[in-house]
Amino acid sequence: MTDTDEYARARKRAEAKYGFFVHAAVYAAVMVLLVLINVLTLPGTFWFIWPLIGWGFAVALHGVRVYLLADKNVVLDTLTERELRHNAAHKTG
């Protein structure tokens, strides 16, 4: 693996972690807003729990993908290799 390949791989991991951080931050900000709206408009009904659970599940899956399954994505690896072969074929032929 060359330094360029290593840099590209590290950059990709950093972008994935940054993307998760942004997703989690937006989730937290929107949830605070929804809780405030809920408490100020319908204090007896807690409807904010449904988006909190649904979107929270999506954020959790995103975190698992970024931190636990980062180097184990066979589908993404296969598609990347296919794209590289496709690009190489068009450059030579």
PDB file of N, CA and C in Angstrom:
ATOM      1  N   MET A   1       0.854  -1.183   0.000  1.00  0.00           N
ATOM      2  CA  MET A   1       0.000   0.000   0.000  1.00  0.00           C
ATOM      3  C   MET A   1       0.897   1.242   0.000  1.00  0.00           C
ATOM      4  N   THR A   2       0.639   2.141  -0.921  1.00  0.00           N
ATOM      5  CA  THR A   2       1.437   3.361  -1.021  1.00  0.00           C
ATOM      6  C   THR A   2       0.949   4.394  -0.014  1.00  0.00           C
ATOM      7  N   ASP A   3       1.766   5.438   0.147  1.00  0.00           N
ATOM      8  CA  ASP A   3       1.373   6.520   1.058  1.00  0.00           C
ATOM      9  C   ASP A   3       0.090   7.185   0.590  1.00  0.00           C
ATOM     10  N   THR A   4      -0.079   7.293  -0.724  1.00  0.00           N
ATOM     11  CA  THR A   4      -1.285   7.911  -1.280  1.00  0.00           C
ATOM     12  C   THR A   4      -2.515   7.061  -0.955  1.00  0.00           C
ATOM     13  N   ASP A   5      -2.381   5.744  -1.100  1.00  0.00           N
ATOM     14  CA  ASP A   5      -3.486   4.839  -0.764  1.00  0.00           C
ATOM     15  C   ASP A   5      -3.819   4.919   0.720  1.00  0.00           C
ATOM     16  N   GLU A   6      -2.758   4.964   1.523  1.00  0.00           N
ATOM     17  CA  GLU A   6      -2.955   5.036   2.968  1.00  0.00           C
ATOM     18  C   GLU A   6      -3.647   6.340   3.359  1.00  0.00           C
ATOM     19  N   TYR A   7      -3.228   7.436   2.739  1.00  0.00           N
ATOM     20  CA  TYR A   7      -3.855   8.731   2.996  1.00  0.00           C
ATOM     21  C   TYR A   7      -5.320   8.708   2.579  1.00  0.00           C
ATOM     22  N   ALA A   8      -5.604   8.167   1.400  1.00  0.00           N
ATOM     23  CA  ALA A   8      -6.979   8.118   0.903  1.00  0.00           C
ATOM     24  C   ALA A   8      -7.856   7.296   1.839  1.00  0.00           C
ATOM     25  N   ARG A   9      -7.334   6.189   2.313  1.00  0.00           N
ATOM     26  CA  ARG A   9      -8.101   5.338   3.237  1.00  0.00           C
ATOM     27  C   ARG A   9      -8.351   6.066   4.565  1.00  0.00           C
ATOM     28  N   ALA A  10      -7.314   6.729   5.081  1.00  0.00           N
ATOM     29  CA  ALA A  10      -7.466   7.483   6.333  1.00  0.00           C
ATOM     30  C   ALA A  10      -8.443   8.638   6.150  1.00  0.00           C
ATOM     31  N   ARG A  11      -8.364   9.298   4.999  1.00  0.00           N
ATOM     32  CA  ARG A  11      -9.273  10.415   4.717  1.00  0.00           C
ATOM     33  C   ARG A  11     -10.721   9.929   4.667  1.00  0.00           C
ATOM     34  N   LYS A  12     -10.925   8.782   4.025  1.00  0.00           N
ATOM     35  CA  LYS A  12     -12.267   8.204   3.918  1.00  0.00           C
ATOM     36  C   LYS A  12     -12.823   7.879   5.308  1.00  0.00           C
ATOM     37  N   ARG A  13     -11.995   7.303   6.183  1.00  0.00           N
ATOM     38  CA  ARG A  13     -12.434   6.984   7.546  1.00  0.00           C
ATOM     39  C   ARG A  13     -12.761   8.265   8.325  1.00  0.00           C
ATOM     40  N   ALA A  14     -11.906   9.287   8.151  1.00  0.00           N
ATOM     41  CA  ALA A  14     -12.143  10.560   8.835  1.00  0.00           C
ATOM     42  C   ALA A  14     -13.443  11.194   8.360  1.00  0.00           C
ATOM     43  N   GLU A  15     -13.713  11.131   7.059  1.00  0.00           N
ATOM     44  CA  GLU A  15     -14.962  11.680   6.524  1.00  0.00           C
ATOM     45  C   GLU A  15     -16.168  10.916   7.055  1.00  0.00           C
ATOM     46  N   ALA A  16     -16.052   9.600   7.183  1.00  0.00           N
ATOM     47  CA  ALA A  16     -17.156   8.795   7.713  1.00  0.00           C
ATOM     48  C   ALA A  16     -17.428   9.165   9.168  1.00  0.00           C
ATOM     49  N   LYS A  17     -16.368   9.333   9.952  1.00  0.00           N
ATOM     50  CA  LYS A  17     -16.540   9.712  11.364  1.00  0.00           C
ATOM     51  C   LYS A  17     -17.127  11.114  11.479  1.00  0.00           C
ATOM     52  N   TYR A  18     -16.657  12.019  10.641  1.00  0.00           N
ATOM     53  CA  TYR A  18     -17.187  13.381  10.648  1.00  0.00           C
ATOM     54  C   TYR A  18     -18.669  13.375  10.255  1.00  0.00           C
ATOM     55  N   GLY A  19     -19.016  12.583   9.253  1.00  0.00           N
ATOM     56  CA  GLY A  19     -20.413  12.471   8.834  1.00  0.00           C
ATOM     57  C   GLY A  19     -21.295  11.962   9.954  1.00  0.00           C
ATOM     58  N   PHE A  20     -20.800  10.990  10.706  1.00  0.00           N
ATOM     59  CA  PHE A  20     -21.569  10.488  11.847  1.00  0.00           C
ATOM     60  C   PHE A  20     -21.715  11.575  12.909  1.00  0.00           C
ATOM     61  N   PHE A  21     -20.636  12.305  13.186  1.00  0.00           N
ATOM     62  CA  PHE A  21     -20.685  13.379  14.171  1.00  0.00           C
ATOM     63  C   PHE A  21     -21.720  14.436  13.785  1.00  0.00           C
ATOM     64  N   VAL A  22     -21.749  14.817  12.523  1.00  0.00           N
ATOM     65  CA  VAL A  22     -22.720  15.808  12.047  1.00  0.00           C
ATOM     66  C   VAL A  22     -24.138  15.253  12.190  1.00  0.00           C
ATOM     67  N   HIS A  23     -24.343  13.992  11.807  1.00  0.00           N
ATOM     68  CA  HIS A  23     -25.652  13.356  11.917  1.00  0.00           C
ATOM     69  C   HIS A  23     -26.123  13.355  13.372  1.00  0.00           C
ATOM     70  N   ALA A  24     -25.237  12.974  14.291  1.00  0.00           N
ATOM     71  CA  ALA A  24     -25.590  12.926  15.713  1.00  0.00           C
ATOM     72  C   ALA A  24     -25.882  14.328  16.265  1.00  0.00           C
ATOM     73  N   ALA A  25     -25.106  15.317  15.838  1.00  0.00           N
ATOM     74  CA  ALA A  25     -25.318  16.689  16.319  1.00  0.00           C
ATOM     75  C   ALA A  25     -26.647  17.255  15.821  1.00  0.00           C
ATOM     76  N   VAL A  26     -26.957  17.019  14.554  1.00  0.00           N
ATOM     77  CA  VAL A  26     -28.234  17.491  14.003  1.00  0.00           C
ATOM     78  C   VAL A  26     -29.388  16.783  14.713  1.00  0.00           C
ATOM     79  N   TYR A  27     -29.244  15.488  14.934  1.00  0.00           N
ATOM     80  CA  TYR A  27     -30.259  14.720  15.657  1.00  0.00           C
ATOM     81  C   TYR A  27     -30.509  15.328  17.040  1.00  0.00           C
ATOM     82  N   ALA A  28     -29.439  15.584  17.774  1.00  0.00           N
ATOM     83  CA  ALA A  28     -29.579  16.139  19.125  1.00  0.00           C
ATOM     84  C   ALA A  28     -30.260  17.512  19.094  1.00  0.00           C
ATOM     85  N   ALA A  29     -29.849  18.368  18.172  1.00  0.00           N
ATOM     86  CA  ALA A  29     -30.433  19.709  18.080  1.00  0.00           C
ATOM     87  C   ALA A  29     -31.918  19.647  17.728  1.00  0.00           C
ATOM     88  N   VAL A  30     -32.264  18.811  16.765  1.00  0.00           N
ATOM     89  CA  VAL A  30     -33.670  18.695  16.360  1.00  0.00           C
ATOM     90  C   VAL A  30     -34.501  18.086  17.488  1.00  0.00           C
ATOM     91  N   MET A  31     -33.955  17.120  18.196  1.00  0.00           N
ATOM     92  CA  MET A  31     -34.705  16.504  19.295  1.00  0.00           C
ATOM     93  C   MET A  31     -34.975  17.512  20.412  1.00  0.00           C
ATOM     94  N   VAL A  32     -33.987  18.350  20.729  1.00  0.00           N
ATOM     95  CA  VAL A  32     -34.208  19.397  21.735  1.00  0.00           C
ATOM     96  C   VAL A  32     -35.335  20.315  21.275  1.00  0.00           C
ATOM     97  N   LEU A  33     -35.302  20.695  20.014  1.00  0.00           N
ATOM     98  CA  LEU A  33     -36.349  21.556  19.465  1.00  0.00           C
ATOM     99  C   LEU A  33     -37.715  20.878  19.529  1.00  0.00           C
ATOM    100  N   LEU A  34     -37.782  19.607  19.163  1.00  0.00           N
ATOM    101  CA  LEU A  34     -39.065  18.889  19.200  1.00  0.00           C
ATOM    102  C   LEU A  34     -39.593  18.742  20.623  1.00  0.00           C
ATOM    103  N   VAL A  35     -38.699  18.488  21.572  1.00  0.00           N
ATOM    104  CA  VAL A  35     -39.136  18.385  22.968  1.00  0.00           C
ATOM    105  C   VAL A  35     -39.702  19.721  23.427  1.00  0.00           C
ATOM    106  N   LEU A  36     -39.022  20.811  23.103  1.00  0.00           N
ATOM    107  CA  LEU A  36     -39.529  22.132  23.480  1.00  0.00           C
ATOM    108  C   LEU A  36     -40.888  22.418  22.849  1.00  0.00           C
ATOM    109  N   ILE A  37     -41.018  22.124  21.561  1.00  0.00           N
ATOM    110  CA  ILE A  37     -42.296  22.342  20.882  1.00  0.00           C
ATOM    111  C   ILE A  37     -43.381  21.503  21.530  1.00  0.00           C
ATOM    112  N   ASN A  38     -43.068  20.246  21.820  1.00  0.00           N
ATOM    113  CA  ASN A  38     -44.043  19.353  22.439  1.00  0.00           C
ATOM    114  C   ASN A  38     -44.478  19.858  23.807  1.00  0.00           C
ATOM    115  N   VAL A  39     -43.521  20.215  24.641  1.00  0.00           N
ATOM    116  CA  VAL A  39     -43.832  20.654  26.006  1.00  0.00           C
ATOM    117  C   VAL A  39     -44.601  21.972  26.005  1.00  0.00           C
ATOM    118  N   LEU A  40     -44.288  22.850  25.059  1.00  0.00           N
ATOM    119  CA  LEU A  40     -44.963  24.151  25.018  1.00  0.00           C
ATOM    120  C   LEU A  40     -46.348  24.093  24.378  1.00  0.00           C
ATOM    121  N   THR A  41     -46.576  23.131  23.494  1.00  0.00           N
ATOM    122  CA  THR A  41     -47.869  23.086  22.811  1.00  0.00           C
ATOM    123  C   THR A  41     -48.818  22.028  23.383  1.00  0.00           C
ATOM    124  N   LEU A  42     -48.324  20.855  23.683  1.00  0.00           N
ATOM    125  CA  LEU A  42     -49.146  19.765  24.227  1.00  0.00           C
ATOM    126  C   LEU A  42     -48.427  19.106  25.400  1.00  0.00           C
ATOM    127  N   PRO A  43     -48.372  19.783  26.552  1.00  0.00           N
ATOM    128  CA  PRO A  43     -47.579  19.261  27.663  1.00  0.00           C
ATOM    129  C   PRO A  43     -48.038  17.890  28.198  1.00  0.00           C
ATOM    130  N   GLY A  44     -49.268  17.522  27.972  1.00  0.00           N
ATOM    131  CA  GLY A  44     -49.764  16.246  28.478  1.00  0.00           C
ATOM    132  C   GLY A  44     -49.509  15.067  27.551  1.00  0.00           C
ATOM    133  N   THR A  45     -49.132  15.336  26.316  1.00  0.00           N
ATOM    134  CA  THR A  45     -48.909  14.285  25.322  1.00  0.00           C
ATOM    135  C   THR A  45     -47.445  14.316  24.898  1.00  0.00           C
ATOM    136  N   PHE A  46     -46.805  13.181  24.970  1.00  0.00           N
ATOM    137  CA  PHE A  46     -45.384  13.125  24.620  1.00  0.00           C
ATOM    138  C   PHE A  46     -45.193  12.482  23.247  1.00  0.00           C
ATOM    139  N   TRP A  47     -45.534  13.226  22.196  1.00  0.00           N
ATOM    140  CA  TRP A  47     -45.388  12.714  20.829  1.00  0.00           C
ATOM    141  C   TRP A  47     -43.949  12.739  20.340  1.00  0.00           C
ATOM    142  N   PHE A  48     -43.099  13.556  20.977  1.00  0.00           N
ATOM    143  CA  PHE A  48     -41.709  13.673  20.534  1.00  0.00           C
ATOM    144  C   PHE A  48     -40.946  12.348  20.646  1.00  0.00           C
ATOM    145  N   ILE A  49     -41.466  11.434  21.455  1.00  0.00           N
ATOM    146  CA  ILE A  49     -40.779  10.162  21.673  1.00  0.00           C
ATOM    147  C   ILE A  49     -40.671   9.353  20.380  1.00  0.00           C
ATOM    148  N   TRP A  50     -41.654   9.475  19.487  1.00  0.00           N
ATOM    149  CA  TRP A  50     -41.641   8.675  18.250  1.00  0.00           C
ATOM    150  C   TRP A  50     -40.522   9.082  17.303  1.00  0.00           C
ATOM    151  N   PRO A  51     -40.342  10.369  16.996  1.00  0.00           N
ATOM    152  CA  PRO A  51     -39.176  10.714  16.174  1.00  0.00           C
ATOM    153  C   PRO A  51     -37.858  10.455  16.905  1.00  0.00           C
ATOM    154  N   LEU A  52     -37.872  10.620  18.237  1.00  0.00           N
ATOM    155  CA  LEU A  52     -36.666  10.357  19.012  1.00  0.00           C
ATOM    156  C   LEU A  52     -36.232   8.899  18.858  1.00  0.00           C
ATOM    157  N   ILE A  53     -37.176   7.979  18.940  1.00  0.00           N
ATOM    158  CA  ILE A  53     -36.868   6.554  18.805  1.00  0.00           C
ATOM    159  C   ILE A  53     -36.488   6.213  17.357  1.00  0.00           C
ATOM    160  N   GLY A  54     -37.298   6.646  16.402  1.00  0.00           N
ATOM    161  CA  GLY A  54     -37.053   6.305  15.001  1.00  0.00           C
ATOM    162  C   GLY A  54     -35.737   6.844  14.478  1.00  0.00           C
ATOM    163  N   TRP A  55     -35.533   8.139  14.643  1.00  0.00           N
ATOM    164  CA  TRP A  55     -34.301   8.743  14.151  1.00  0.00           C
ATOM    165  C   TRP A  55     -33.112   8.282  14.988  1.00  0.00           C
ATOM    166  N   GLY A  56     -33.342   8.057  16.291  1.00  0.00           N
ATOM    167  CA  GLY A  56     -32.279   7.548  17.161  1.00  0.00           C
ATOM    168  C   GLY A  56     -31.780   6.191  16.694  1.00  0.00           C
ATOM    169  N   PHE A  57     -32.687   5.357  16.226  1.00  0.00           N
ATOM    170  CA  PHE A  57     -32.306   4.052  15.687  1.00  0.00           C
ATOM    171  C   PHE A  57     -31.418   4.234  14.456  1.00  0.00           C
ATOM    172  N   ALA A  58     -31.784   5.182  13.599  1.00  0.00           N
ATOM    173  CA  ALA A  58     -30.984   5.454  12.396  1.00  0.00           C
ATOM    174  C   ALA A  58     -29.596   5.976  12.768  1.00  0.00           C
ATOM    175  N   VAL A  59     -29.510   6.844  13.758  1.00  0.00           N
ATOM    176  CA  VAL A  59     -28.215   7.355  14.206  1.00  0.00           C
ATOM    177  C   VAL A  59     -27.373   6.215  14.786  1.00  0.00           C
ATOM    178  N   ALA A  60     -28.011   5.338  15.545  1.00  0.00           N
ATOM    179  CA  ALA A  60     -27.290   4.193  16.114  1.00  0.00           C
ATOM    180  C   ALA A  60     -26.749   3.286  15.007  1.00  0.00           C
ATOM    181  N   LEU A  61     -27.556   3.021  13.993  1.00  0.00           N
ATOM    182  CA  LEU A  61     -27.089   2.203  12.870  1.00  0.00           C
ATOM    183  C   LEU A  61     -25.932   2.881  12.134  1.00  0.00           C
ATOM    184  N   HIS A  62     -26.011   4.180  11.982  1.00  0.00           N
ATOM    185  CA  HIS A  62     -24.937   4.935  11.351  1.00  0.00           C
ATOM    186  C   HIS A  62     -23.651   4.778  12.171  1.00  0.00           C
ATOM    187  N   GLY A  63     -23.759   4.885  13.485  1.00  0.00           N
ATOM    188  CA  GLY A  63     -22.593   4.714  14.361  1.00  0.00           C
ATOM    189  C   GLY A  63     -22.000   3.319  14.265  1.00  0.00           C
ATOM    190  N   VAL A  64     -22.856   2.312  14.217  1.00  0.00           N
ATOM    191  CA  VAL A  64     -22.377   0.933  14.066  1.00  0.00           C
ATOM    192  C   VAL A  64     -21.627   0.785  12.757  1.00  0.00           C
ATOM    193  N   ARG A  65     -22.175   1.347  11.698  1.00  0.00           N
ATOM    194  CA  ARG A  65     -21.548   1.260  10.377  1.00  0.00           C
ATOM    195  C   ARG A  65     -20.177   1.933  10.362  1.00  0.00           C
ATOM    196  N   VAL A  66     -20.084   3.091  10.998  1.00  0.00           N
ATOM    197  CA  VAL A  66     -18.840   3.857  10.974  1.00  0.00           C
ATOM    198  C   VAL A  66     -17.787   3.269  11.916  1.00  0.00           C
ATOM    199  N   TYR A  67     -18.182   2.882  13.126  1.00  0.00           N
ATOM    200  CA  TYR A  67     -17.199   2.485  14.128  1.00  0.00           C
ATOM    201  C   TYR A  67     -16.999   0.977  14.273  1.00  0.00           C
ATOM    202  N   LEU A  68     -18.014   0.177  13.993  1.00  0.00           N
ATOM    203  CA  LEU A  68     -17.876  -1.264  14.191  1.00  0.00           C
ATOM    204  C   LEU A  68     -17.678  -2.041  12.898  1.00  0.00           C
ATOM    205  N   LEU A  69     -18.288  -1.598  11.823  1.00  0.00           N
ATOM    206  CA  LEU A  69     -18.225  -2.339  10.564  1.00  0.00           C
ATOM    207  C   LEU A  69     -17.411  -1.622   9.495  1.00  0.00           C
ATOM    208  N   ALA A  70     -16.584  -0.680   9.899  1.00  0.00           N
ATOM    209  CA  ALA A  70     -15.893   0.195   8.956  1.00  0.00           C
ATOM    210  C   ALA A  70     -15.087  -0.553   7.907  1.00  0.00           C
ATOM    211  N   ASP A  71     -14.344  -1.548   8.299  1.00  0.00           N
ATOM    212  CA  ASP A  71     -13.476  -2.240   7.347  1.00  0.00           C
ATOM    213  C   ASP A  71     -14.056  -3.566   6.893  1.00  0.00           C
ATOM    214  N   LYS A  72     -15.349  -3.783   7.139  1.00  0.00           N
ATOM    215  CA  LYS A  72     -15.951  -5.068   6.829  1.00  0.00           C
ATOM    216  C   LYS A  72     -17.100  -4.956   5.841  1.00  0.00           C
ATOM    217  N   ASN A  73     -17.104  -3.924   5.030  1.00  0.00           N
ATOM    218  CA  ASN A  73     -18.210  -3.727   4.094  1.00  0.00           C
ATOM    219  C   ASN A  73     -17.876  -4.379   2.758  1.00  0.00           C
ATOM    220  N   VAL A  74     -18.244  -5.626   2.619  1.00  0.00           N
ATOM    221  CA  VAL A  74     -17.936  -6.399   1.417  1.00  0.00           C
ATOM    222  C   VAL A  74     -18.617  -5.802   0.193  1.00  0.00           C
ATOM    223  N   VAL A  75     -19.847  -5.355   0.335  1.00  0.00           N
ATOM    224  CA  VAL A  75     -20.582  -4.784  -0.794  1.00  0.00           C
ATOM    225  C   VAL A  75     -19.877  -3.529  -1.296  1.00  0.00           C
ATOM    226  N   LEU A  76     -19.515  -2.638  -0.387  1.00  0.00           N
ATOM    227  CA  LEU A  76     -18.830  -1.409  -0.782  1.00  0.00           C
ATOM    228  C   LEU A  76     -17.471  -1.708  -1.404  1.00  0.00           C
ATOM    229  N   ASP A  77     -16.742  -2.660  -0.840  1.00  0.00           N
ATOM    230  CA  ASP A  77     -15.444  -3.040  -1.409  1.00  0.00           C
ATOM    231  C   ASP A  77     -15.607  -3.594  -2.824  1.00  0.00           C
ATOM    232  N   THR A  78     -16.601  -4.431  -3.019  1.00  0.00           N
ATOM    233  CA  THR A  78     -16.853  -5.013  -4.341  1.00  0.00           C
ATOM    234  C   THR A  78     -17.214  -3.939  -5.359  1.00  0.00           C
ATOM    235  N   LEU A  79     -18.093  -3.027  -4.967  1.00  0.00           N
ATOM    236  CA  LEU A  79     -18.481  -1.939  -5.877  1.00  0.00           C
ATOM    237  C   LEU A  79     -17.300  -1.027  -6.195  1.00  0.00           C
ATOM    238  N   THR A  80     -16.458  -0.766  -5.208  1.00  0.00           N
ATOM    239  CA  THR A  80     -15.273   0.069  -5.434  1.00  0.00           C
ATOM    240  C   THR A  80     -14.325  -0.597  -6.420  1.00  0.00           C
ATOM    241  N   GLU A  81     -14.075  -1.879  -6.221  1.00  0.00           N
ATOM    242  CA  GLU A  81     -13.204  -2.609  -7.142  1.00  0.00           C
ATOM    243  C   GLU A  81     -13.782  -2.622  -8.554  1.00  0.00           C
ATOM    244  N   ARG A  82     -15.080  -2.784  -8.679  1.00  0.00           N
ATOM    245  CA  ARG A  82     -15.733  -2.785  -9.985  1.00  0.00           C
ATOM    246  C   ARG A  82     -15.553  -1.430 -10.667  1.00  0.00           C
ATOM    247  N   GLU A  83     -15.711  -0.344  -9.905  1.00  0.00           N
ATOM    248  CA  GLU A  83     -15.528   1.002 -10.460  1.00  0.00           C
ATOM    249  C   GLU A  83     -14.084   1.219 -10.909  1.00  0.00           C
ATOM    250  N   LEU A  84     -13.130   0.748 -10.101  1.00  0.00           N
ATOM    251  CA  LEU A  84     -11.727   0.899 -10.477  1.00  0.00           C
ATOM    252  C   LEU A  84     -11.415   0.136 -11.763  1.00  0.00           C
ATOM    253  N   ARG A  85     -11.953  -1.089 -11.901  1.00  0.00           N
ATOM    254  CA  ARG A  85     -11.746  -1.863 -13.121  1.00  0.00           C
ATOM    255  C   ARG A  85     -12.408  -1.180 -14.316  1.00  0.00           C
ATOM    256  N   HIS A  86     -13.604  -0.651 -14.095  1.00  0.00           N
ATOM    257  CA  HIS A  86     -14.329   0.057 -15.158  1.00  0.00           C
ATOM    258  C   HIS A  86     -13.537   1.271 -15.627  1.00  0.00           C
ATOM    259  N   ASN A  87     -13.030   2.059 -14.676  1.00  0.00           N
ATOM    260  CA  ASN A  87     -12.256   3.247 -15.027  1.00  0.00           C
ATOM    261  C   ASN A  87     -10.963   2.878 -15.742  1.00  0.00           C
ATOM    262  N   ALA A  88     -10.309   1.801 -15.278  1.00  0.00           N
ATOM    263  CA  ALA A  88      -9.064   1.363 -15.917  1.00  0.00           C
ATOM    264  C   ALA A  88      -9.326   0.885 -17.343  1.00  0.00           C
ATOM    265  N   ALA A  89     -10.442   0.200 -17.568  1.00  0.00           N
ATOM    266  CA  ALA A  89     -10.777  -0.286 -18.907  1.00  0.00           C
ATOM    267  C   ALA A  89     -11.034   0.867 -19.866  1.00  0.00           C
ATOM    268  N   HIS A  90     -11.653   1.923 -19.391  1.00  0.00           N
ATOM    269  CA  HIS A  90     -11.940   3.063 -20.261  1.00  0.00           C
ATOM    270  C   HIS A  90     -10.706   3.906 -20.533  1.00  0.00           C
ATOM    271  N   LYS A  91      -9.741   3.878 -19.616  1.00  0.00           N
ATOM    272  CA  LYS A  91      -8.517   4.632 -19.845  1.00  0.00           C
ATOM    273  C   LYS A  91      -7.616   3.957 -20.868  1.00  0.00           C
ATOM    274  N   THR A  92      -7.610   2.612 -20.846  1.00  0.00           N
ATOM    275  CA  THR A  92      -6.717   1.879 -21.750  1.00  0.00           C
ATOM    276  C   THR A  92      -7.378   1.594 -23.097  1.00  0.00           C
ATOM    277  N   GLY A  93      -8.682   1.522 -23.111  1.00  0.00           N
ATOM    278  CA  GLY A  93      -9.330   1.104 -24.347  1.00  0.00           C
ATOM    279  C   GLY A  93     -10.141   2.147 -24.905  1.00  0.00           C
TER     280      GLY A  93
END
